[in-house]
Protein backbone atom coordinates (compact mmCIF):
# COMPACT_ATOMS: atom_id res chain seq x y z
CA MET A 1 -7.53 2.87 -19.97
CA ILE A 2 -10.12 3.73 -17.35
CA PHE A 3 -11.17 0.79 -15.19
CA LEU A 4 -14.91 1.09 -15.66
CA ARG A 5 -15.80 -1.57 -13.09
CA ARG A 6 -13.77 0.27 -10.47
CA LEU A 7 -15.37 3.54 -11.52
CA LYS A 8 -18.85 2.05 -11.20
CA ARG A 9 -18.06 0.58 -7.77
CA LEU A 10 -16.62 3.89 -6.59
CA TRP A 11 -19.74 5.82 -7.60
CA GLY A 12 -21.89 3.18 -5.91
CA ILE A 13 -20.02 3.79 -2.66
CA ILE A 14 -20.32 7.57 -3.07
CA ASN A 15 -24.06 7.28 -3.67
CA ASP A 16 -24.49 4.99 -0.66
CA LYS A 17 -22.78 7.65 1.46
CA ASN A 18 -25.19 10.24 -0.02
CA ILE A 19 -22.30 12.45 -1.15
CA LYS A 20 -23.61 15.01 -3.63
CA ILE A 21 -20.99 15.76 -6.28
CA ASP A 22 -20.88 16.03 -10.07
CA SER A 23 -17.46 14.50 -10.65
CA ILE A 24 -14.06 13.79 -9.11
CA PHE A 25 -10.83 15.66 -9.81
CA LEU A 26 -7.91 13.23 -9.52
CA PRO A 27 -4.37 14.58 -10.12
CA ASN A 28 -1.57 12.10 -10.67
CA ALA A 29 0.69 13.06 -7.82
CA PRO A 30 1.22 12.20 -5.12
CA ASP A 31 -1.89 10.02 -5.26
CA GLU A 32 -1.98 6.31 -6.15
CA ASN A 33 -5.73 6.68 -6.73
CA PHE A 34 -4.93 8.23 -10.13
CA TYR A 35 -3.04 5.10 -11.19
CA TYR A 36 -5.64 2.82 -9.60
CA MET A 37 -8.34 4.34 -11.80
CA THR A 38 -6.36 4.83 -15.01
CA GLY A 39 -3.97 1.88 -15.01
CA LEU A 40 -1.20 4.15 -16.27
CA ASP A 41 2.43 3.43 -15.54
CA GLY A 42 4.86 6.33 -15.37
CA PRO A 43 5.30 9.76 -13.79
CA PHE A 44 2.67 11.67 -15.87
CA GLU A 45 3.63 14.96 -14.28
CA GLY A 46 0.89 17.59 -14.23
CA CYS A 47 -1.73 15.16 -15.54
CA PHE A 48 -5.16 14.56 -14.05
CA ALA A 49 -8.28 12.50 -14.53
CA MET A 50 -11.87 13.70 -14.32
CA LEU A 51 -14.16 10.92 -13.14
CA GLY A 52 -17.80 11.40 -14.08
CA LYS A 53 -20.73 9.19 -13.16
CA ASN A 54 -20.95 7.69 -16.64
CA GLY A 55 -17.38 7.97 -17.85
CA ALA A 56 -14.04 9.68 -17.43
CA GLU A 57 -11.15 11.20 -19.29
CA VAL A 58 -7.47 11.82 -18.70
CA ALA A 59 -5.78 15.15 -19.42
CA VAL A 60 -2.07 14.99 -20.23
CA SER A 61 0.69 17.25 -21.49
CA GLU A 62 2.67 16.76 -24.69
CA LEU A 63 5.37 15.01 -22.63
CA ASP A 64 3.05 12.11 -21.79
CA TYR A 65 0.47 12.06 -24.58
CA GLU A 66 2.07 9.33 -26.70
CA SER A 67 2.85 7.20 -23.65
CA ALA A 68 -0.78 7.39 -22.49
CA LYS A 69 -1.99 6.43 -25.98
CA LYS A 70 0.29 3.40 -26.05
CA GLN A 71 -1.02 2.33 -22.64
CA GLY A 72 -4.57 2.22 -23.97
CA VAL A 73 -6.23 5.38 -22.68
CA LYS A 74 -9.12 5.88 -25.11
CA LYS A 75 -10.62 9.10 -23.79
CA LEU A 76 -7.51 11.26 -23.72
CA LYS A 77 -7.20 15.04 -23.81
CA LEU A 78 -3.99 16.83 -24.77
CA VAL A 79 -3.69 20.10 -22.85
CA THR A 80 -1.06 22.75 -23.46
CA LYS A 81 -2.65 25.76 -21.74
CA ARG A 82 -4.11 26.37 -18.29
CA SER A 83 -7.35 27.57 -19.91
CA GLU A 84 -7.76 24.13 -21.50
CA LYS A 85 -7.41 22.45 -18.10
CA ILE A 86 -10.00 24.79 -16.63
CA GLY A 87 -12.37 24.03 -19.50
CA ILE A 88 -12.15 20.27 -18.91
CA ILE A 89 -12.72 20.61 -15.17
CA LYS A 90 -15.71 22.95 -15.62
CA GLY A 91 -17.19 20.57 -18.16
CA TYR A 92 -17.48 17.97 -15.38
CA SER A 93 -18.79 20.29 -12.66
CA GLY A 94 -22.38 21.22 -13.45
CA SER A 95 -23.50 22.21 -9.96
CA GLY A 96 -20.04 23.33 -8.91
CA LYS A 97 -19.42 20.46 -6.47
CA ILE A 98 -16.52 18.14 -7.21
CA GLY A 99 -14.91 15.36 -5.21
CA VAL A 100 -11.24 15.35 -4.22
CA VAL A 101 -8.98 13.12 -2.14
CA ALA A 102 -8.30 15.82 0.43
CA ASP A 103 -5.25 14.35 2.15
CA LYS A 104 -3.51 13.88 -1.22
CA LEU A 105 -4.54 17.08 -3.00
CA PRO A 106 -1.74 19.66 -3.14
CA TYR A 107 -2.70 22.89 -1.37
CA SER A 108 -2.01 24.97 -4.47
CA SER A 109 -4.29 22.76 -6.60
CA GLY A 110 -7.09 23.07 -4.07
CA LYS A 111 -6.84 26.86 -4.00
CA ARG A 112 -6.92 27.03 -7.81
CA LEU A 113 -10.06 24.89 -7.92
CA GLU A 114 -11.74 27.08 -5.30
CA SER A 115 -10.78 30.20 -7.26
CA MET A 116 -12.87 28.76 -10.11
CA GLY A 117 -15.92 28.88 -7.84
CA LEU A 118 -15.92 25.14 -7.16
CA LYS A 119 -16.85 23.55 -3.85
CA LEU A 120 -14.51 20.70 -2.91
CA ILE A 121 -15.97 17.61 -1.22
CA ASP A 122 -13.64 15.04 0.35
CA VAL A 123 -14.18 11.52 -1.03
CA SER A 124 -11.07 9.94 0.56
CA SER A 125 -13.07 7.34 2.49
CA SER A 126 -14.89 6.26 -0.67
CA PHE A 127 -11.62 5.55 -2.47
CA GLU A 128 -10.33 3.76 0.61
CA GLU A 129 -13.37 1.51 0.71
CA CYS A 130 -13.26 0.88 -3.04
CA ARG A 131 -9.59 -0.08 -3.04
CA MET A 132 -9.97 -2.54 -0.15
CA ILE A 133 -11.46 -5.09 -2.56
CA LYS A 134 -8.86 -6.28 -5.05
CA ASP A 135 -9.85 -7.70 -8.42
CA LYS A 136 -8.21 -10.80 -9.92
CA ASN A 137 -5.55 -8.82 -11.76
CA GLU A 138 -4.58 -6.87 -8.65
CA VAL A 139 -4.29 -10.10 -6.68
CA ARG A 140 -2.10 -11.60 -9.42
CA LEU A 141 0.25 -8.59 -9.30
CA ILE A 142 0.50 -8.70 -5.49
CA LYS A 143 1.22 -12.45 -5.59
CA THR A 144 4.05 -11.82 -8.04
CA ALA A 145 5.50 -9.13 -5.77
CA VAL A 146 5.32 -11.49 -2.78
CA ASN A 147 6.97 -14.38 -4.65
CA VAL A 148 9.78 -12.15 -5.90
CA SER A 149 10.32 -10.83 -2.37
CA LYS A 150 10.65 -14.30 -0.87
CA LYS A 151 13.06 -15.39 -3.59
CA ALA A 152 15.14 -12.26 -3.03
CA LEU A 153 15.54 -13.04 0.66
CA ARG A 154 16.58 -16.63 -0.09
CA ASP A 155 19.15 -15.32 -2.57
CA SER A 156 20.69 -12.82 -0.18
CA THR A 157 21.38 -14.31 3.26
CA SER A 158 24.26 -16.73 2.71
CA ASN A 159 26.99 -14.30 3.80
CA LEU A 160 25.82 -11.70 6.31
CA THR A 161 28.26 -8.81 6.74
CA ASN A 162 26.54 -5.48 7.37
CA GLU A 163 23.14 -3.84 6.97
CA ASN A 164 23.79 -1.90 3.78
CA ALA A 165 25.32 -4.88 2.01
CA LEU A 166 22.35 -7.10 2.83
CA ALA A 167 19.85 -4.42 1.74
CA ALA A 168 21.72 -3.99 -1.55
CA LYS A 169 21.61 -7.75 -2.23
CA ILE A 170 17.88 -7.98 -1.53
CA GLU A 171 17.03 -4.91 -3.61
CA GLY A 172 19.29 -6.02 -6.46
CA SER A 173 17.62 -9.43 -6.54
CA MET A 174 14.16 -7.87 -6.68
CA ARG A 175 15.18 -5.47 -9.44
CA SER A 176 16.78 -8.28 -11.46
CA ARG A 177 13.36 -9.97 -11.49
CA GLY A 178 11.61 -6.92 -12.93
CA CYS A 179 10.41 -5.32 -9.70
CA GLY A 180 10.95 -2.02 -7.95
CA LEU A 181 10.83 -1.39 -4.22
CA ALA A 182 7.61 -1.11 -2.24
CA PHE A 183 9.55 0.94 0.34
CA PRO A 184 13.19 1.39 1.44
CA THR A 185 14.48 -1.93 2.78
CA ILE A 186 14.98 -2.09 6.55
CA CYS A 187 17.95 -4.18 7.68
CA ALA A 188 18.34 -3.74 11.45
CA ALA A 189 21.26 -5.62 12.99
CA ASP A 190 21.30 -6.89 16.56
CA LYS A 191 20.05 -4.17 18.99
CA ASN A 192 18.97 -1.98 16.08
CA SER A 193 16.14 -4.48 15.54
CA ALA A 194 14.38 -2.96 18.56
CA LEU A 195 13.55 0.10 16.41
CA PRO A 196 10.54 -0.75 14.20
CA HIS A 197 11.22 2.09 11.74
CA TYR A 198 15.00 1.82 11.79
CA ALA A 199 16.87 3.42 8.87
CA THR A 200 19.31 0.91 7.39
CA GLY A 201 22.93 1.91 7.97
CA SER A 202 26.42 0.45 8.04
CA SER A 203 26.21 -1.53 11.28
CA LYS A 204 27.96 -4.89 11.29
CA ILE A 205 25.72 -7.95 11.66
CA ASN A 206 27.07 -9.87 14.65
CA LYS A 207 24.33 -12.35 15.50
CA MET A 208 21.03 -11.45 13.86
CA VAL A 209 19.30 -8.96 11.58
CA LEU A 210 15.64 -8.03 11.23
CA VAL A 211 14.71 -7.53 7.58
CA ASP A 212 11.52 -5.68 6.55
CA PHE A 213 11.19 -5.33 2.78
CA GLY A 214 8.97 -5.80 -0.24
CA ALA A 215 8.94 -5.75 -4.02
CA ARG A 216 6.68 -3.54 -6.11
CA PHE A 217 5.44 -5.18 -9.31
CA LYS A 218 3.55 -3.03 -11.83
CA GLY A 219 2.46 -0.72 -9.03
CA TYR A 220 1.49 -3.37 -6.45
CA CYS A 221 3.35 -4.05 -3.22
CA ALA A 222 4.52 -6.89 -1.01
CA ASP A 223 5.50 -6.44 2.64
CA ILE A 224 7.44 -9.15 4.48
CA THR A 225 9.48 -9.22 7.70
CA ARG A 226 11.89 -11.92 8.84
CA CYS A 227 14.69 -12.32 11.36
CA VAL A 228 17.87 -13.84 9.91
CA PHE A 229 20.81 -15.21 11.88
CA LYS A 230 24.51 -15.78 11.99
CA LYS A 231 24.04 -17.16 15.48
CA ARG A 232 20.80 -17.10 17.44
CA PRO A 233 21.06 -14.85 20.52
CA ASP A 234 20.27 -16.55 23.83
CA TRP A 235 17.26 -14.30 24.43
CA PHE A 236 15.71 -14.84 21.00
CA ALA A 237 13.88 -18.18 21.40
CA LYS A 238 11.61 -17.08 24.24
CA THR A 239 10.69 -13.82 22.50
CA GLU A 240 10.13 -15.54 19.16
CA SER A 241 7.79 -18.02 20.85
CA LYS A 242 5.61 -15.16 22.14
CA VAL A 243 5.57 -13.43 18.76
CA MET A 244 4.62 -16.61 16.89
CA LYS A 245 1.91 -17.36 19.47
CA ALA A 246 0.40 -13.93 18.75
CA TYR A 247 0.79 -14.50 14.99
CA ASP A 248 -1.04 -17.84 15.13
CA LYS A 249 -3.85 -16.33 17.21
CA CYS A 250 -4.32 -13.53 14.71
CA VAL A 251 -4.33 -15.86 11.71
CA SER A 252 -6.96 -17.98 13.47
CA ILE A 253 -9.11 -14.90 14.18
CA ALA A 254 -8.96 -13.88 10.52
CA GLU A 255 -9.75 -17.43 9.34
CA ASN A 256 -12.76 -17.65 11.65
CA GLY A 257 -14.51 -14.45 10.61
CA GLY A 258 -12.96 -12.10 13.15
CA THR A 259 -11.87 -8.51 12.69
CA GLY A 260 -8.65 -6.54 12.68
CA PHE A 261 -9.69 -4.93 15.95
CA GLU A 262 -9.96 -8.38 17.55
CA MET A 263 -6.54 -9.31 16.14
CA GLN A 264 -5.04 -6.17 17.67
CA LYS A 265 -6.48 -6.99 21.09
CA ALA A 266 -5.23 -10.60 20.88
CA ALA A 267 -1.71 -9.50 20.00
CA GLN A 268 -1.65 -6.91 22.78
CA SER A 269 -2.83 -9.43 25.38
CA THR A 270 -0.17 -11.93 24.27
CA LEU A 271 2.78 -9.58 23.86
CA GLY A 272 2.08 -6.81 26.39
CA LYS A 273 4.00 -3.53 26.44
CA GLY A 274 6.64 -4.78 24.03
CA PHE A 275 4.10 -4.64 21.20
CA ILE A 276 3.96 -1.01 20.06
CA HIS A 277 2.32 -0.88 16.62
CA SER A 278 -0.68 -2.04 14.62
CA ILE A 279 -1.08 -5.77 14.03
CA GLY A 280 -1.17 -5.11 10.30
CA HIS A 281 -2.56 -3.10 7.43
CA PHE A 282 -4.27 -3.47 4.10
CA LEU A 283 -1.94 -3.81 1.14
CA GLY A 284 -2.16 -2.81 -2.51
CA ARG A 285 -0.82 0.06 -4.60
CA ASP A 286 0.23 1.70 -1.33
CA VAL A 287 2.23 -0.54 0.95
CA HIS A 288 0.38 0.91 3.95
CA GLU A 289 -3.28 1.30 3.16
CA SER A 290 -5.76 1.31 6.06
CA SER A 291 -4.61 0.00 9.45
CA LEU A 292 -6.18 -3.17 10.87
CA SER A 293 -6.05 -2.04 14.50
CA ASN A 294 -9.43 -0.24 14.38
CA PHE A 295 -11.03 -2.28 11.56
CA LYS A 296 -14.19 -3.58 13.24
CA THR A 297 -16.01 -5.34 10.39
CA PRO A 298 -15.37 -8.89 9.11
CA PHE A 299 -12.99 -9.37 6.21
CA VAL A 300 -14.57 -10.06 2.82
CA PRO A 301 -13.21 -11.79 -0.30
CA GLY A 302 -10.73 -9.67 -2.25
CA MET A 303 -9.15 -8.00 0.76
CA VAL A 304 -5.36 -8.26 1.06
CA PHE A 305 -3.66 -7.46 4.35
CA THR A 306 -0.58 -8.11 6.47
CA ILE A 307 -0.25 -9.71 9.89
CA GLU A 308 2.90 -8.52 11.71
CA PRO A 309 3.20 -9.01 15.47
CA GLY A 310 6.43 -7.83 17.02
CA PHE A 311 8.13 -7.46 20.37
CA TYR A 312 10.84 -4.87 21.08
CA ASP A 313 13.41 -4.60 23.89
CA VAL A 314 15.92 -1.76 23.45
CA LYS A 315 18.47 -3.56 25.63
CA ARG A 316 18.42 -6.72 23.49
CA GLY A 317 16.67 -6.29 20.17
CA GLY A 318 13.38 -6.90 18.42
CA VAL A 319 11.51 -9.77 16.84
CA ARG A 320 8.88 -9.25 14.14
CA PHE A 321 7.28 -11.74 11.75
CA GLU A 322 5.11 -10.58 8.84
CA ASN A 323 3.24 -12.25 6.00
CA ASP A 324 0.65 -11.09 3.46
CA PHE A 325 -2.83 -12.63 3.25
CA LEU A 326 -5.70 -12.78 0.77
CA VAL A 327 -9.33 -13.28 1.75
CA THR A 328 -11.08 -15.73 -0.60
CA LYS A 329 -14.55 -17.26 -0.76
CA ASN A 330 -13.03 -20.31 0.93
CA GLY A 331 -11.23 -18.49 3.72
CA VAL A 332 -8.00 -16.64 4.36
CA LYS A 333 -4.92 -17.67 2.39
CA GLU A 334 -1.28 -16.77 3.02
CA LEU A 335 0.31 -15.39 -0.13
C-alpha cells in the first residue's frame, strides 16, 4: 500500500517550505522512509518508490513482486531492466527536479540520477517533520514493542551471570513474542556501565548491570534503560537520586508544555559534567530519530520520544534511566 494520508501531509510540509520539486525518489535501502511510506515488510532489495503530488507507485524486481502484491501495494511496477527504471523515474520528473533524502541516498544512486539530467533537492527535513507525528497504528505498534520489552526484562533478571548471557535471555524473550531487535542490546556490568555506548561482552556481573535495549515490532521500536542488581553498590543510591531528580524534572517540563531544549538544560543543571549525552530523542521506525537537545518548539499530540538522563563515573560506573512517552491531547503519557 501507499499511505495516502502520510503522502498528503508530506507534500503539505514540502509546499509550506516552498520546495519546488516534481516528485520524490525513495529507494528502499538504507532508508526507513521507504517503509514508512509504503508499509512494506521485507528487504525489497533494489526497489524504489516514486512519490508524486497526487499519487505514487512502487517499482520492484521479480524477487519481490509477489510479496509486494500480497502486502497490498496496488500501484506496482515490475522492472527487469535498467531502462524500465529510468522510464519510471523520468515519468515523475517533468521539470527535472526531484526530491531525495540526501543523507540516506547511496552515492552511486545519486550520480546515476544526475547523469539522467535530474536536479536533486534534499527533502530530509520534510520527512523528519512528517514522521514526528505518529498515527494511531504507529502508536499501537510502538506500545506493543514497549510492552514486550518490559516483559522481556522481567523474564530475564532472576539469575545474573555475565553480560552476554543476560543479553541473550532478553533478546530471546523478545523474539519469542514475535519481535525483532530495535538495536543490539547493551548489557554493561559494574564499571562498564560508565560507557554509554558500551558493546556487550563476556564480563561477569558482580554487583550491577546497566541494560539498554528495545524490541522492534512490525518496524517500530522501543528503547528502555534500567539498572539491575545482584547487590547495590555503596555509591549507587546517591547517584540514582540525582538521575531520578533530573528525570522527574524533565517529565514535568514535557507535561507542562516545555521543550526538549528546556529538558536538556534542566538535566545538565541537575547532573553537571557527569551527564554527557542528549536527554532523549524521538522514536519510531528508527530507534534514534531527531534529538531532543535542540528541539525548541512545544511537543504536539502524536509525538513519541524518550527521556533518558544518566550520570557516568569511569571509576565507579554509570546510572541511566529511560522510558518512552507519547504526547496526547490530554498531556504526556508514559508508554
